[in-house]
Amino acid sequence: MTDNGELTLTVGGQRLTGWKNVRLARGLERTPSDFDLLVTERYPGEPSAISVQPGQPCTVRIGQDVALTGYVDRVQLEIGARHHEVRVTGRGKAQDLVDCQAWLRDVRGQVSFASAAALARQLAAPFGLQVLAPDGEGPVLPQFNVALTETGWEIIDRVARYAGMLAYEDAQGRIVIGKAGKDRHASGFVQGINVETAMVTFAMDQRYSHYEAVVMSVDVLQDLAGAVGGPLDYNVRGRARDQGVPRFRPRVFVSEQMQSGEDIAQRRAEWEATRRFGRSQAVSITCDSWRDAAGQLWEPGRLATVHLPALKLPDRAWIIAEVTYRRGQEGTHADLVLMPPEAYAAEPVVLQPYDWQVGQALDANPTPPTTDTGGLAP
């Protein structure tokens, strides 16, 4: 789509344009998306001519493209001797999942033999939200008990990580459970072409040379292991190295997922090294357009080329972590944060650890329902 430079708020049958100040932000770790729109002097002496009520459904478009689907949160009207202002703020449809407690009363708060995506759909259904799973439904969960005080989003985020994926809100207000970095923008950010300002950070303070996942914080198993002829480091269940750390910096942590065996502990150690490497690098860019060379709005989760030789960042393909579209007296800009793909490696987790005997029994006697209910037990 071509960008006609216009942002439109559609609410209550009205199409409102002519906003003086615009800010709309979306991100992989920013759910729900949000917007802040301000109009001044369009209706002198009559700011109430904009009939918008808090709680109304709304859609924000940039040109012909939907940029946010959600609800109006607040409407502020202000008058002064020389100005009249109307400010409208709101968030994406996922706000109800983030704000409210999970509602699974029809299954008594317990779901059995449901896939990760099926559980997410059950949690999203009371709020009228769709769930997309472009990379598959995810693993089947033998049993999941919902705490009454947990929000739906807290559970969905945890379930997505268990499935090795990310959970985020798209422009249509749908919940996406998938992997970042699969798609790529037609163009990126090039010094001297479309980059107005840029700042890159390279860090070492949160990286470590050695990572060890242990069973217990106190090594009481050493004597026992020695007595039965086992290894003295029996307490260690996962190891990883970061060869980019120039000196000895060990990090030891208790892996709370030990009920699932050594594999999860090993993957947790590898994840710690990988994610910390990814998070040690980030670039913040302000560019002069909301779109790439093909007319696509900058989209969180997509790869984009970053070429900033002056900042020692030549030809990198990084993931857009967050984008803010803004317009004001200083013009039209997009503020973006990009990181390496490693920054969004999914954390290995165990949703609800079982005693090993219970785990064995569930594995040995899988009895999922035979009806096509998405794996949700009544």
Protein backbone atom coordinates (compact mmCIF):
# COMPACT_ATOMS: atom_id res chain seq x y z
CA MET A 1 0.00 0.00 0.00
CA THR A 2 1.16 3.53 -0.64
CA ASP A 3 1.32 5.82 2.36
CA ASN A 4 -0.88 8.85 1.88
CA GLY A 5 0.46 10.21 5.16
CA GLU A 6 -2.91 10.06 6.87
CA LEU A 7 -3.77 8.27 10.11
CA THR A 8 -7.45 7.51 10.61
CA LEU A 9 -9.26 6.55 13.80
CA THR A 10 -12.51 4.74 13.09
CA VAL A 11 -14.84 4.63 16.09
CA GLY A 12 -18.59 4.67 16.51
CA GLY A 13 -19.17 4.94 12.77
CA GLN A 14 -16.90 8.00 12.51
CA ARG A 15 -13.65 8.29 10.53
CA LEU A 16 -11.54 10.86 12.36
CA THR A 17 -8.51 12.36 10.66
CA GLY A 18 -6.43 15.53 10.91
CA TRP A 19 -4.60 14.55 14.09
CA LYS A 20 -1.88 17.03 14.99
CA ASN A 21 0.15 14.69 17.20
CA VAL A 22 0.23 10.93 16.66
CA ARG A 23 1.93 8.10 18.53
CA LEU A 24 1.22 4.40 17.96
CA ALA A 25 3.47 1.69 19.38
CA ARG A 26 3.67 -2.06 18.78
CA GLY A 27 6.23 -4.62 19.85
CA LEU A 28 7.03 -8.28 20.45
CA GLU A 29 7.16 -7.57 24.19
CA ARG A 30 4.59 -4.79 24.16
CA THR A 31 1.16 -6.38 24.48
CA PRO A 32 -1.24 -4.71 24.13
CA SER A 33 -0.29 -2.20 21.45
CA ASP A 34 -1.25 1.39 22.27
CA PHE A 35 -1.95 4.77 20.67
CA ASP A 36 -2.14 8.43 21.69
CA LEU A 37 -3.79 10.92 19.32
CA LEU A 38 -4.19 14.69 19.76
CA VAL A 39 -6.13 17.17 17.67
CA THR A 40 -6.15 20.93 18.29
CA GLU A 41 -8.15 23.86 16.88
CA ARG A 42 -10.04 21.72 14.40
CA TYR A 43 -13.30 22.54 16.13
CA PRO A 44 -12.59 25.93 17.80
CA GLY A 45 -14.73 26.39 20.86
CA GLU A 46 -16.40 23.02 20.30
CA PRO A 47 -14.08 20.14 21.23
CA SER A 48 -17.09 17.95 21.98
CA ALA A 49 -17.75 17.76 18.23
CA ILE A 50 -15.55 14.66 18.33
CA SER A 51 -17.99 12.13 19.77
CA VAL A 52 -15.79 9.38 21.22
CA GLN A 53 -16.54 7.46 24.39
CA PRO A 54 -14.13 5.39 26.53
CA GLY A 55 -14.62 1.69 25.94
CA GLN A 56 -15.72 1.98 22.33
CA PRO A 57 -14.19 -0.44 19.81
CA CYS A 58 -11.86 1.31 17.40
CA THR A 59 -9.51 0.75 14.48
CA VAL A 60 -6.45 2.81 13.65
CA ARG A 61 -5.31 2.84 10.03
CA ILE A 62 -2.23 4.28 8.40
CA GLY A 63 -3.23 4.90 4.81
CA GLN A 64 -5.23 1.78 3.91
CA ASP A 65 -3.37 -0.52 6.32
CA VAL A 66 -4.76 -1.50 9.71
CA ALA A 67 -2.15 -0.61 12.35
CA LEU A 68 -4.14 -1.33 15.54
CA THR A 69 -7.49 -2.85 16.47
CA GLY A 70 -8.70 -2.30 19.99
CA TYR A 71 -10.63 -0.05 22.32
CA VAL A 72 -10.60 3.57 23.39
CA ASP A 73 -9.27 3.83 26.94
CA ARG A 74 -9.52 7.55 27.67
CA VAL A 75 -10.82 10.77 26.14
CA GLN A 76 -9.48 14.07 27.42
CA LEU A 77 -11.00 17.44 26.50
CA GLU A 78 -9.10 20.62 27.29
CA ILE A 79 -9.76 24.29 26.66
CA GLY A 80 -7.69 27.39 27.30
CA ALA A 81 -7.64 31.04 26.29
CA ARG A 82 -5.87 30.18 23.03
CA HIS A 83 -6.38 26.47 22.47
CA HIS A 84 -8.87 23.65 22.31
CA GLU A 85 -7.59 20.09 22.44
CA VAL A 86 -9.00 16.60 22.26
CA ARG A 87 -6.77 13.67 23.19
CA VAL A 88 -7.79 10.06 22.58
CA THR A 89 -5.77 7.14 23.92
CA GLY A 90 -6.39 3.44 23.61
CA ARG A 91 -4.90 -0.04 23.41
CA GLY A 92 -5.22 -3.21 21.37
CA LYS A 93 -7.93 -5.81 21.96
CA ALA A 94 -5.49 -7.96 23.93
CA GLN A 95 -5.73 -5.48 26.81
CA ASP A 96 -8.51 -7.54 28.39
CA LEU A 97 -6.28 -10.61 28.51
CA VAL A 98 -3.52 -8.52 30.09
CA ASP A 99 -5.71 -6.65 32.58
CA CYS A 100 -8.18 -9.33 33.65
CA GLN A 101 -7.97 -12.66 35.40
CA ALA A 102 -8.28 -15.85 33.38
CA TRP A 103 -11.88 -17.03 33.02
CA LEU A 104 -12.23 -20.81 32.68
CA ARG A 105 -15.23 -21.44 34.88
CA ASP A 106 -16.91 -23.76 32.36
CA VAL A 107 -14.07 -26.29 32.77
CA ARG A 108 -13.63 -25.63 36.50
CA GLY A 109 -10.24 -24.00 35.93
CA GLN A 110 -8.65 -27.22 34.69
CA VAL A 111 -7.75 -28.13 31.11
CA SER A 112 -6.50 -31.58 30.11
CA PHE A 113 -4.81 -32.80 26.95
CA ALA A 114 -5.01 -29.49 25.10
CA SER A 115 -2.38 -28.14 22.75
CA ALA A 116 -0.70 -24.85 23.61
CA ALA A 117 -2.77 -23.03 20.99
CA ALA A 118 -6.01 -24.72 22.09
CA LEU A 119 -5.47 -23.58 25.68
CA ALA A 120 -4.77 -20.05 24.43
CA ARG A 121 -8.01 -20.09 22.43
CA GLN A 122 -9.96 -21.19 25.50
CA LEU A 123 -8.47 -18.32 27.49
CA ALA A 124 -9.07 -15.79 24.70
CA ALA A 125 -12.64 -16.84 23.88
CA PRO A 126 -14.43 -15.01 26.74
CA PHE A 127 -12.92 -11.76 25.44
CA GLY A 128 -13.83 -12.35 21.81
CA LEU A 129 -10.22 -12.73 20.69
CA GLN A 130 -8.83 -14.93 17.95
CA VAL A 131 -5.64 -16.96 18.35
CA LEU A 132 -3.37 -17.72 15.39
CA ALA A 133 -0.75 -20.48 15.43
CA PRO A 134 1.17 -20.12 12.14
CA ASP A 135 3.95 -22.46 13.28
CA GLY A 136 1.76 -25.25 14.59
CA GLU A 137 -0.50 -25.92 17.57
CA GLY A 138 2.39 -26.73 19.90
CA PRO A 139 2.78 -29.65 22.30
CA VAL A 140 -0.15 -31.25 24.11
CA LEU A 141 -0.34 -30.39 27.80
CA PRO A 142 -1.38 -33.41 29.91
CA GLN A 143 -3.05 -31.18 32.48
CA PHE A 144 -3.12 -27.49 33.31
CA ASN A 145 -4.65 -25.91 36.41
CA VAL A 146 -5.45 -22.21 36.29
CA ALA A 147 -4.86 -20.13 39.42
CA LEU A 148 -7.74 -17.74 40.04
CA THR A 149 -5.41 -14.76 40.37
CA GLU A 150 -3.52 -15.30 37.10
CA THR A 151 -4.31 -13.20 34.07
CA GLY A 152 -5.03 -14.87 30.78
CA TRP A 153 -1.99 -13.24 29.23
CA GLU A 154 0.36 -14.54 31.93
CA ILE A 155 -0.77 -18.08 31.14
CA ILE A 156 -0.63 -17.66 27.36
CA ASP A 157 2.86 -16.18 27.55
CA ARG A 158 4.06 -19.09 29.68
CA VAL A 159 2.38 -21.68 27.48
CA ALA A 160 3.91 -20.11 24.36
CA ARG A 161 7.40 -20.32 25.86
CA TYR A 162 6.74 -23.95 26.76
CA ALA A 163 5.94 -24.50 23.07
CA GLY A 164 9.20 -22.79 22.08
CA MET A 165 7.41 -19.76 20.65
CA LEU A 166 6.50 -16.16 21.39
CA ALA A 167 3.07 -14.69 22.08
CA TYR A 168 2.19 -11.22 20.84
CA GLU A 169 -0.67 -9.13 19.45
CA ASP A 170 -0.96 -8.36 15.75
CA ALA A 171 -2.47 -5.29 14.09
CA GLN A 172 -5.92 -6.91 13.92
CA GLY A 173 -5.95 -7.47 17.68
CA ARG A 174 -5.40 -11.21 17.35
CA ILE A 175 -3.07 -13.25 19.55
CA VAL A 176 -0.24 -14.82 17.59
CA ILE A 177 1.69 -17.78 18.98
CA GLY A 178 4.64 -18.25 16.68
CA LYS A 179 8.30 -17.64 16.01
CA ALA A 180 9.91 -14.29 15.25
CA GLY A 181 12.25 -13.63 12.36
CA LYS A 182 10.60 -15.81 9.71
CA ASP A 183 9.68 -12.91 7.39
CA ARG A 184 11.89 -10.13 6.14
CA HIS A 185 11.28 -6.56 5.07
CA ALA A 186 12.06 -5.56 1.49
CA SER A 187 14.49 -2.94 2.75
CA GLY A 188 16.13 -1.95 5.98
CA PHE A 189 17.97 0.89 7.62
CA VAL A 190 21.01 2.31 5.88
CA GLN A 191 23.28 5.06 7.13
CA GLY A 192 22.98 8.13 4.92
CA ILE A 193 19.77 6.89 3.25
CA ASN A 194 16.82 6.66 5.64
CA VAL A 195 18.40 6.78 9.10
CA GLU A 196 18.03 10.09 10.91
CA THR A 197 19.56 9.05 14.22
CA ALA A 198 20.88 5.76 15.56
CA MET A 199 22.40 4.48 18.76
CA VAL A 200 23.86 1.01 19.20
CA THR A 201 24.70 -0.68 22.50
CA PHE A 202 27.20 -3.51 22.93
CA ALA A 203 27.30 -4.89 26.47
CA MET A 204 29.25 -7.49 28.43
CA ASP A 205 27.98 -6.97 31.98
CA GLN A 206 25.09 -9.46 31.61
CA ARG A 207 27.05 -12.16 29.77
CA TYR A 208 28.97 -15.03 31.40
CA SER A 209 31.62 -17.43 30.21
CA HIS A 210 30.22 -20.55 31.91
CA TYR A 211 26.62 -21.47 32.71
CA GLU A 212 25.61 -24.35 34.98
CA ALA A 213 22.10 -25.51 35.84
CA VAL A 214 21.98 -27.31 39.20
CA VAL A 215 19.40 -29.31 41.13
CA MET A 216 19.89 -27.58 44.48
CA SER A 217 21.64 -24.42 45.61
CA VAL A 218 23.42 -26.39 48.38
CA ASP A 219 25.55 -29.23 47.02
CA VAL A 220 24.44 -31.96 49.43
CA LEU A 221 24.54 -34.60 46.69
CA GLN A 222 28.32 -34.69 46.41
CA ASP A 223 28.82 -37.04 49.36
CA LEU A 224 25.95 -39.27 48.23
CA ALA A 225 27.28 -39.42 44.67
CA GLY A 226 30.75 -40.30 45.93
CA ALA A 227 29.37 -43.07 48.15
CA VAL A 228 27.66 -44.82 45.23
CA GLY A 229 30.51 -44.24 42.80
CA GLY A 230 28.78 -41.48 40.85
CA PRO A 231 30.32 -38.24 39.55
CA LEU A 232 31.10 -35.58 42.15
CA ASP A 233 29.31 -32.95 40.06
CA TYR A 234 26.06 -34.91 40.12
CA ASN A 235 24.24 -31.75 41.19
CA VAL A 236 25.02 -30.12 37.81
CA ARG A 237 22.45 -31.04 35.18
CA GLY A 238 23.19 -28.57 32.38
CA ARG A 239 26.23 -26.70 31.04
CA ALA A 240 26.83 -24.08 28.36
CA ARG A 241 29.68 -21.80 27.26
CA ASP A 242 29.82 -18.34 25.75
CA GLN A 243 33.08 -18.21 23.83
CA GLY A 244 32.68 -14.46 23.29
CA VAL A 245 33.29 -13.63 26.97
CA PRO A 246 37.02 -12.89 27.28
CA ARG A 247 37.51 -13.88 30.93
CA PHE A 248 36.25 -16.37 33.48
CA ARG A 249 32.74 -15.35 34.57
CA PRO A 250 30.69 -18.31 35.88
CA ARG A 251 26.93 -18.22 36.43
CA VAL A 252 25.25 -21.02 38.41
CA PHE A 253 21.48 -21.16 38.76
CA VAL A 254 18.92 -23.58 40.12
CA SER A 255 16.86 -25.00 37.29
CA GLU A 256 13.35 -25.20 38.69
CA GLN A 257 12.38 -27.51 35.84
CA MET A 258 14.39 -30.48 37.11
CA GLN A 259 11.28 -32.67 37.27
CA SER A 260 11.49 -33.03 33.50
CA GLY A 261 15.01 -34.43 33.57
CA GLU A 262 18.40 -33.37 32.34
CA ASP A 263 17.30 -32.34 28.87
CA ILE A 264 15.30 -29.31 30.05
CA ALA A 265 18.15 -28.24 32.33
CA GLN A 266 20.64 -28.46 29.47
CA ARG A 267 18.37 -26.47 27.19
CA ARG A 268 17.87 -23.91 29.94
CA ALA A 269 21.66 -23.46 30.27
CA GLU A 270 22.02 -23.08 26.50
CA TRP A 271 19.13 -20.61 26.44
CA GLU A 272 20.74 -18.48 29.16
CA ALA A 273 23.92 -18.19 27.08
CA THR A 274 22.10 -17.58 23.79
CA ARG A 275 19.58 -15.04 25.03
CA ARG A 276 22.11 -13.05 27.05
CA PHE A 277 24.31 -12.85 23.96
CA GLY A 278 21.36 -11.57 21.93
CA ARG A 279 20.27 -9.05 24.56
CA SER A 280 23.80 -7.67 24.82
CA GLN A 281 23.32 -5.98 21.45
CA ALA A 282 20.59 -3.54 20.46
CA VAL A 283 20.20 -0.62 18.11
CA SER A 284 17.69 2.22 18.41
CA ILE A 285 16.90 3.92 15.11
CA THR A 286 14.81 6.89 14.06
CA CYS A 287 14.00 6.80 10.37
CA ASP A 288 12.07 9.14 8.09
CA SER A 289 9.29 6.78 7.01
CA TRP A 290 6.71 4.44 8.49
CA ARG A 291 7.22 1.96 5.62
CA ASP A 292 9.88 -0.06 3.85
CA ALA A 293 10.74 0.20 0.15
CA ALA A 294 7.83 -2.11 -0.78
CA GLY A 295 5.28 0.02 1.09
CA GLN A 296 4.99 -2.39 4.05
CA LEU A 297 4.58 -0.82 7.48
CA TRP A 298 7.53 -1.62 9.72
CA GLU A 299 6.37 -4.74 11.56
CA PRO A 300 7.55 -6.17 14.90
CA GLY A 301 8.94 -9.69 14.52
CA ARG A 302 10.25 -9.20 10.98
CA LEU A 303 13.89 -9.19 10.03
CA ALA A 304 15.36 -5.99 8.58
CA THR A 305 18.83 -5.17 7.32
CA VAL A 306 20.82 -2.74 9.46
CA HIS A 307 23.83 -1.09 7.80
CA LEU A 308 25.51 1.45 10.08
CA PRO A 309 29.27 1.34 9.41
CA ALA A 310 29.94 4.37 11.61
CA LEU A 311 28.49 2.42 14.56
CA LYS A 312 30.41 -0.78 13.73
CA LEU A 313 27.21 -2.44 12.58
CA PRO A 314 27.58 -3.42 8.91
CA ASP A 315 24.96 -5.49 7.08
CA ARG A 316 23.23 -7.23 9.98
CA ALA A 317 19.83 -8.92 9.70
CA TRP A 318 18.16 -8.16 13.02
CA ILE A 319 14.62 -8.51 14.32
CA ILE A 320 12.41 -5.47 14.82
CA ALA A 321 11.56 -5.71 18.50
CA GLU A 322 9.45 -2.57 18.74
CA VAL A 323 8.22 0.19 16.47
CA THR A 324 6.62 3.54 17.31
CA TYR A 325 4.95 5.52 14.56
CA ARG A 326 4.82 9.20 15.46
CA ARG A 327 3.95 12.51 13.88
CA GLY A 328 4.05 16.02 15.31
CA GLN A 329 5.45 19.45 14.72
CA GLU A 330 8.84 17.91 13.98
CA GLY A 331 7.46 15.78 11.15
CA THR A 332 6.82 12.07 10.53
CA HIS A 333 9.16 9.49 12.04
CA ALA A 334 9.39 5.86 13.06
CA ASP A 335 11.37 4.90 16.16
CA LEU A 336 12.54 1.29 16.16
CA VAL A 337 14.49 -1.07 18.40
CA LEU A 338 16.21 -4.03 16.73
CA MET A 339 18.11 -6.96 18.23
CA PRO A 340 19.77 -10.14 16.94
CA PRO A 341 17.48 -13.16 16.48
CA GLU A 342 19.15 -14.81 19.51
CA ALA A 343 17.51 -12.18 21.74
CA TYR A 344 14.15 -13.83 21.09
CA ALA A 345 15.06 -17.45 21.70
CA ALA A 346 12.16 -19.01 23.62
CA GLU A 347 12.87 -19.95 27.23
CA PRO A 348 12.49 -23.66 28.04
CA VAL A 349 9.92 -24.00 30.83
CA VAL A 350 7.83 -26.61 32.59
CA LEU A 351 4.31 -25.33 33.06
CA GLN A 352 3.32 -27.26 36.19
CA PRO A 353 6.02 -29.58 37.54
CA TYR A 354 4.80 -32.98 38.69
CA ASP A 355 6.29 -35.46 41.05
CA TRP A 356 8.27 -37.91 38.89
CA GLN A 357 5.81 -40.72 39.63
CA VAL A 358 2.87 -38.61 38.43
CA GLY A 359 4.80 -37.67 35.31
CA GLN A 360 5.52 -41.30 34.53
CA ALA A 361 1.87 -42.21 35.00
CA LEU A 362 0.68 -39.44 32.66
CA ASP A 363 3.22 -40.44 30.02
CA ALA A 364 2.29 -44.13 30.29
CA ASN A 365 -1.48 -43.54 30.19
CA PRO A 366 -2.30 -40.76 27.75
CA THR A 367 -6.07 -40.62 27.40
CA PRO A 368 -6.92 -37.53 25.40
CA PRO A 369 -10.56 -36.98 24.53
CA THR A 370 -11.69 -38.43 21.20
CA THR A 371 -14.14 -35.65 20.33
CA ASP A 372 -12.91 -32.69 18.32
CA THR A 373 -12.94 -30.08 21.08
CA GLY A 374 -9.45 -28.71 20.60
CA GLY A 375 -8.26 -30.95 23.42
CA LEU A 376 -10.35 -29.25 26.10
CA ALA A 377 -11.73 -31.56 28.72
CA PRO A 378 -15.24 -30.72 29.97
